[in-house]
Amino acid sequence: MTIGIDVGGTNIKGVLLKNNKIIKKIRIKTKSKSNKNLLTARIFECIEYLRQSKKGIKKIGIGIAGPVDFKNQRILNPPNLPGLKNIYLGKIIEKKFKIKTVIDNDVHCLVLAEAIMGAARGKKSVVGLALGTGVGGGIVIDGKIMHGRGGTAGEMGHITIRGDGRKCRCGSRGCLEAYVCEKGQEKTAEEILGRKMSSITLQRLAEKGNKKALKAWNVIGDNLGIGLANIVDTLNPEIIVIGGGLAWAGELLLKPAREAMKKNILSSLAKNTKVVRAKLGKFSGAIGAALL
């Protein structure tokens, strides 16, 4: 059995996994983003609940919303969890619970979960994107996360898709994230419909046949597709899994994304790369953490 914890700025989610099946789960409020002691106490609370009356727990995996030095198992500078900056969280947890602990980026965990148990099960080369507050990514090859030299492989939200495009929160212009994160979607809605609105509102309008809402999703999907084409030309994966809040729009987003991707991919052999929505839901990051 393994425990997986997904630490986000709003919630902490955890699962107890046995033979790739969830046998127990928990979700609690993070409560603080900046207080290290409170943050670690909340993580401990989840672990205590999941391991209660259970023996034989071999490993704890932790997914963190932010950059991780995977080689040295250090949290770097998570923008939504500043209280965890530069700490060796795995060592802290190991010391308390005497259980081997591994930490990684939360989207890496999500993609690993989808590759092993979810929408990409059975595929050898998987790329995943999470479209939410930002745009995170991960690469899984033969069931293992590809970390790259510094452990930061998969930052596909910062592929440039428009040379002189929108300003991204990273400081650059034209990043994929600036067009397909939540704020990017709101910006596109404002440009086409005249006002900002959530992805759920935009989705409902489109499902009712609102032409401007449908156009907005086509524009968002087109921008996503350009980014996907770059990913396919670079990595040529078997499948790309799209998760995060914007993915709930389903085919409103994915259909134009596939079309734009096909138009912009160089090789005809790669034009049929599958693009699917993630299927494991809100606990996917915790599931992936348990699989680390």
Protein backbone atom coordinates (compact mmCIF):
# COMPACT_ATOMS: atom_id res chain seq x y z
CA MET A 1 0.00 0.00 0.00
CA THR A 2 1.07 3.57 -0.72
CA ILE A 3 -0.17 6.99 0.34
CA GLY A 4 -0.47 9.86 -2.12
CA ILE A 5 -0.92 13.50 -1.09
CA ASP A 6 -1.71 16.36 -3.49
CA VAL A 7 -0.88 19.71 -1.86
CA GLY A 8 -2.62 22.68 -3.49
CA GLY A 9 -3.14 26.29 -2.52
CA THR A 10 -6.81 25.68 -1.64
CA ASN A 11 -7.11 21.98 -0.76
CA ILE A 12 -4.96 19.06 0.27
CA LYS A 13 -6.16 15.73 -1.11
CA GLY A 14 -4.95 12.29 -0.18
CA VAL A 15 -5.51 8.66 -1.15
CA LEU A 16 -4.49 5.25 0.15
CA LEU A 17 -3.75 2.99 -2.80
CA LYS A 18 -3.61 -0.81 -2.85
CA ASN A 19 -3.00 -2.69 -6.08
CA ASN A 20 -3.82 0.51 -8.01
CA LYS A 21 -7.20 0.86 -6.30
CA ILE A 22 -8.28 3.62 -3.91
CA ILE A 23 -9.29 2.15 -0.57
CA LYS A 24 -9.43 5.40 1.40
CA LYS A 25 -9.35 9.10 0.57
CA ILE A 26 -9.51 12.52 2.22
CA ARG A 27 -9.79 16.18 1.23
CA ILE A 28 -9.24 19.08 3.63
CA LYS A 29 -8.70 22.83 3.31
CA THR A 30 -5.08 23.94 3.12
CA LYS A 31 -5.92 26.84 5.51
CA SER A 32 -2.61 28.66 5.04
CA LYS A 33 -0.36 29.26 2.07
CA SER A 34 2.46 30.98 3.93
CA ASN A 35 2.69 29.35 7.37
CA LYS A 36 5.14 26.47 7.13
CA ASN A 37 4.14 24.88 10.44
CA LEU A 38 0.43 24.97 9.68
CA LEU A 39 0.98 23.65 6.16
CA THR A 40 3.05 20.70 7.34
CA ALA A 41 0.57 20.02 10.15
CA ARG A 42 -2.27 19.79 7.62
CA ILE A 43 -0.24 17.39 5.46
CA PHE A 44 0.52 15.29 8.57
CA GLU A 45 -3.21 15.25 9.35
CA CYS A 46 -3.99 13.71 5.96
CA ILE A 47 -1.26 11.10 6.31
CA GLU A 48 -2.38 10.18 9.83
CA TYR A 49 -5.96 9.66 8.64
CA LEU A 50 -4.90 7.49 5.68
CA ARG A 51 -2.50 5.28 7.61
CA GLN A 52 -4.80 4.84 10.61
CA SER A 53 -5.16 1.13 11.49
CA LYS A 54 -3.30 0.22 8.30
CA LYS A 55 -0.03 -1.68 8.36
CA GLY A 56 2.34 -2.34 5.50
CA ILE A 57 2.45 1.15 3.99
CA LYS A 58 5.59 1.10 1.88
CA LYS A 59 5.81 4.64 0.58
CA ILE A 60 4.36 8.15 0.74
CA GLY A 61 4.26 10.31 -2.39
CA ILE A 62 3.69 14.06 -2.32
CA GLY A 63 2.62 16.20 -5.27
CA ILE A 64 3.33 19.93 -4.90
CA ALA A 65 1.74 22.76 -6.88
CA GLY A 66 5.00 24.35 -7.95
CA PRO A 67 8.56 23.63 -9.07
CA VAL A 68 10.46 20.80 -7.40
CA ASP A 69 14.15 19.91 -7.43
CA PHE A 70 13.41 16.22 -7.92
CA LYS A 71 17.02 15.05 -7.71
CA ASN A 72 17.53 16.65 -4.30
CA GLN A 73 13.88 16.29 -3.22
CA ARG A 74 13.55 19.99 -2.44
CA ILE A 75 10.56 22.25 -3.02
CA LEU A 76 11.81 25.35 -4.84
CA ASN A 77 9.53 28.40 -4.99
CA PRO A 78 5.85 27.40 -5.25
CA PRO A 79 3.88 30.55 -6.12
CA ASN A 80 0.71 29.41 -4.33
CA LEU A 81 2.48 27.83 -1.34
CA PRO A 82 5.25 30.23 -0.28
CA GLY A 83 5.37 28.65 3.17
CA LEU A 84 6.97 25.56 1.63
CA LYS A 85 9.71 27.45 -0.21
CA ASN A 86 13.13 25.77 -0.14
CA ILE A 87 12.19 23.02 2.31
CA TYR A 88 13.01 19.32 2.12
CA LEU A 89 9.46 18.18 2.78
CA GLY A 90 10.18 14.52 2.03
CA LYS A 91 12.83 14.36 4.75
CA ILE A 92 10.49 16.04 7.24
CA ILE A 93 7.76 13.47 6.54
CA GLU A 94 10.19 10.53 6.60
CA LYS A 95 11.50 11.65 9.97
CA LYS A 96 8.02 11.83 11.47
CA PHE A 97 6.43 8.70 9.98
CA LYS A 98 9.49 6.49 9.29
CA ILE A 99 8.15 5.76 5.80
CA LYS A 100 10.08 6.40 2.57
CA THR A 101 8.74 9.62 0.99
CA VAL A 102 9.10 11.03 -2.53
CA ILE A 103 8.01 14.48 -3.73
CA ASP A 104 7.34 15.75 -7.24
CA ASN A 105 5.40 18.41 -9.13
CA ASP A 106 1.62 17.96 -8.93
CA VAL A 107 1.04 17.93 -12.71
CA HIS A 108 3.77 15.31 -13.14
CA CYS A 109 1.73 13.25 -10.68
CA LEU A 110 -1.51 13.86 -12.58
CA VAL A 111 0.04 12.70 -15.86
CA LEU A 112 1.55 9.62 -14.21
CA ALA A 113 -1.88 8.70 -12.82
CA GLU A 114 -3.54 9.10 -16.22
CA ALA A 115 -0.75 7.05 -17.87
CA ILE A 116 -1.04 4.13 -15.44
CA MET A 117 -4.70 4.13 -14.40
CA GLY A 118 -6.56 6.67 -16.51
CA ALA A 119 -7.19 7.94 -20.03
CA ALA A 120 -3.74 6.92 -21.32
CA ARG A 121 -3.60 3.49 -19.70
CA GLY A 122 -1.55 1.07 -21.81
CA LYS A 123 0.25 3.80 -23.77
CA LYS A 124 4.04 3.91 -23.66
CA SER A 125 4.57 7.62 -24.37
CA VAL A 126 2.21 10.10 -22.75
CA VAL A 127 2.15 13.89 -22.53
CA GLY A 128 -0.31 15.66 -20.26
CA LEU A 129 -1.36 19.25 -19.73
CA ALA A 130 -3.35 20.72 -16.86
CA LEU A 131 -5.22 23.89 -17.84
CA GLY A 132 -6.12 25.81 -14.70
CA THR A 133 -4.75 28.86 -12.87
CA GLY A 134 -1.65 28.23 -14.96
CA VAL A 135 -0.72 25.56 -17.48
CA GLY A 136 1.43 22.72 -16.20
CA GLY A 137 2.69 19.69 -18.06
CA GLY A 138 4.29 16.31 -17.68
CA ILE A 139 5.87 13.57 -19.78
CA VAL A 140 5.63 9.87 -18.95
CA ILE A 141 7.66 7.29 -20.88
CA ASP A 142 7.20 3.58 -20.17
CA GLY A 143 5.40 4.36 -16.93
CA LYS A 144 8.08 6.71 -15.60
CA ILE A 145 8.10 10.50 -15.34
CA MET A 146 10.69 12.19 -17.54
CA HIS A 147 12.30 14.84 -15.35
CA GLY A 148 15.13 16.12 -17.53
CA ARG A 149 18.51 17.29 -16.29
CA GLY A 150 17.22 19.71 -13.66
CA GLY A 151 13.92 18.01 -12.92
CA THR A 152 11.80 20.65 -14.67
CA ALA A 153 10.88 18.87 -17.92
CA GLY A 154 7.27 19.39 -18.94
CA GLU A 155 6.90 23.18 -18.56
CA MET A 156 4.92 23.25 -21.80
CA GLY A 157 2.74 26.12 -20.68
CA HIS A 158 5.58 28.40 -21.68
CA ILE A 159 5.94 27.28 -25.28
CA THR A 160 5.68 30.43 -27.40
CA ILE A 161 2.70 30.27 -29.75
CA ARG A 162 2.42 33.99 -30.64
CA GLY A 163 5.71 35.83 -31.09
CA ASP A 164 4.41 39.22 -29.99
CA GLY A 165 1.33 38.00 -28.14
CA ARG A 166 -0.21 38.48 -24.73
CA LYS A 167 1.97 39.14 -21.71
CA CYS A 168 2.33 35.97 -19.63
CA ARG A 169 2.71 36.00 -15.85
CA CYS A 170 6.22 34.56 -16.36
CA GLY A 171 7.23 37.87 -17.99
CA SER A 172 7.43 36.62 -21.57
CA ARG A 173 4.96 37.23 -24.37
CA GLY A 174 2.88 34.79 -26.38
CA CYS A 175 3.15 31.78 -24.05
CA LEU A 176 0.58 29.01 -24.44
CA GLU A 177 -0.45 29.63 -20.82
CA ALA A 178 -1.48 33.22 -21.61
CA TYR A 179 -4.19 31.85 -23.92
CA VAL A 180 -5.42 28.61 -22.36
CA CYS A 181 -5.25 29.15 -18.59
CA GLU A 182 -8.33 30.41 -16.71
CA LYS A 183 -7.37 34.08 -17.08
CA GLY A 184 -6.49 33.52 -20.73
CA GLN A 185 -9.93 32.03 -21.35
CA GLU A 186 -11.52 35.00 -19.56
CA LYS A 187 -9.52 37.41 -21.72
CA THR A 188 -10.68 35.68 -24.92
CA ALA A 189 -14.30 35.77 -23.71
CA GLU A 190 -13.94 39.49 -23.01
CA GLU A 191 -12.49 40.13 -26.48
CA ILE A 192 -15.33 38.28 -28.24
CA LEU A 193 -18.36 38.67 -25.96
CA GLY A 194 -17.46 41.98 -24.37
CA ARG A 195 -17.13 40.74 -20.80
CA LYS A 196 -15.06 38.34 -18.74
CA MET A 197 -16.72 35.12 -17.64
CA SER A 198 -15.75 31.79 -16.11
CA SER A 199 -15.17 28.73 -18.26
CA ILE A 200 -18.38 27.18 -16.86
CA THR A 201 -20.46 30.20 -17.91
CA LEU A 202 -18.81 30.27 -21.33
CA GLN A 203 -19.42 26.54 -21.70
CA ARG A 204 -23.11 26.85 -20.82
CA LEU A 205 -23.60 29.66 -23.31
CA ALA A 206 -21.91 27.64 -26.05
CA GLU A 207 -24.01 24.57 -25.27
CA LYS A 208 -27.11 26.76 -25.75
CA GLY A 209 -25.85 27.69 -29.23
CA ASN A 210 -24.54 31.20 -28.51
CA LYS A 211 -22.45 31.95 -31.61
CA LYS A 212 -19.99 34.27 -29.87
CA ALA A 213 -19.40 31.72 -27.09
CA LEU A 214 -18.80 29.02 -29.71
CA LYS A 215 -16.36 31.35 -31.46
CA ALA A 216 -14.53 31.95 -28.18
CA TRP A 217 -14.06 28.21 -27.62
CA ASN A 218 -12.85 27.83 -31.21
CA VAL A 219 -10.25 30.55 -30.63
CA ILE A 220 -9.12 28.99 -27.32
CA GLY A 221 -9.00 25.54 -28.94
CA ASP A 222 -7.05 26.89 -31.90
CA ASN A 223 -4.40 28.35 -29.59
CA LEU A 224 -4.22 25.10 -27.64
CA GLY A 225 -3.84 23.18 -30.91
CA ILE A 226 -0.84 25.27 -31.97
CA GLY A 227 0.83 24.41 -28.67
CA LEU A 228 -0.05 20.72 -29.10
CA ALA A 229 1.48 20.72 -32.59
CA ASN A 230 4.76 21.98 -31.13
CA ILE A 231 4.63 19.23 -28.51
CA VAL A 232 3.92 16.53 -31.10
CA ASP A 233 6.67 17.75 -33.45
CA THR A 234 9.12 17.69 -30.52
CA LEU A 235 8.12 14.53 -28.64
CA ASN A 236 5.80 12.54 -30.94
CA PRO A 237 3.82 10.93 -28.07
CA GLU A 238 1.17 8.27 -28.56
CA ILE A 239 -1.40 10.33 -26.71
CA ILE A 240 -1.91 13.74 -25.09
CA VAL A 241 -4.15 14.00 -22.04
CA ILE A 242 -5.80 17.33 -21.19
CA GLY A 243 -6.84 17.95 -17.58
CA GLY A 244 -7.59 20.89 -15.33
CA GLY A 245 -10.64 23.16 -15.09
CA LEU A 246 -10.82 24.14 -18.75
CA ALA A 247 -10.88 20.48 -19.81
CA TRP A 248 -14.44 20.19 -18.47
CA ALA A 249 -15.52 21.99 -21.65
CA GLY A 250 -14.80 18.70 -23.42
CA GLU A 251 -15.23 18.73 -27.18
CA LEU A 252 -15.97 22.48 -27.24
CA LEU A 253 -12.25 22.84 -26.51
CA LEU A 254 -10.75 19.61 -27.82
CA LYS A 255 -12.36 19.47 -31.28
CA PRO A 256 -10.90 22.79 -32.51
CA ALA A 257 -7.64 21.95 -30.71
CA ARG A 258 -7.28 18.68 -32.64
CA GLU A 259 -8.05 20.45 -35.91
CA ALA A 260 -5.47 23.19 -35.30
CA MET A 261 -2.94 20.60 -34.15
CA LYS A 262 -3.32 18.59 -37.37
CA LYS A 263 -2.93 21.71 -39.52
CA ASN A 264 0.33 22.66 -37.81
CA ILE A 265 2.06 19.29 -37.37
CA LEU A 266 4.90 18.74 -39.82
CA SER A 267 4.85 14.94 -40.27
CA SER A 268 1.78 13.23 -41.71
CA LEU A 269 2.67 10.22 -39.55
CA ALA A 270 1.98 12.23 -36.39
CA LYS A 271 -1.25 13.99 -37.41
CA ASN A 272 -3.44 11.32 -35.82
CA THR A 273 -1.95 11.70 -32.34
CA LYS A 274 -4.79 11.16 -29.88
CA VAL A 275 -5.89 14.10 -27.73
CA VAL A 276 -8.27 13.12 -24.91
CA ARG A 277 -9.69 14.53 -21.70
CA ALA A 278 -8.32 13.27 -18.39
CA LYS A 279 -10.65 10.81 -16.66
CA LEU A 280 -9.50 10.35 -13.05
CA GLY A 281 -11.03 13.55 -11.72
CA LYS A 282 -10.07 15.72 -8.76
CA PHE A 283 -7.99 13.06 -6.98
CA SER A 284 -5.76 12.34 -9.99
CA GLY A 285 -2.81 14.26 -8.50
CA ALA A 286 -3.03 12.31 -5.25
CA ILE A 287 -3.31 9.03 -7.18
CA GLY A 288 -0.21 9.91 -9.17
CA ALA A 289 1.66 10.85 -6.00
CA ALA A 290 0.88 7.40 -4.59
CA LEU A 291 2.35 5.90 -7.78
CA LEU A 292 5.68 7.77 -7.56
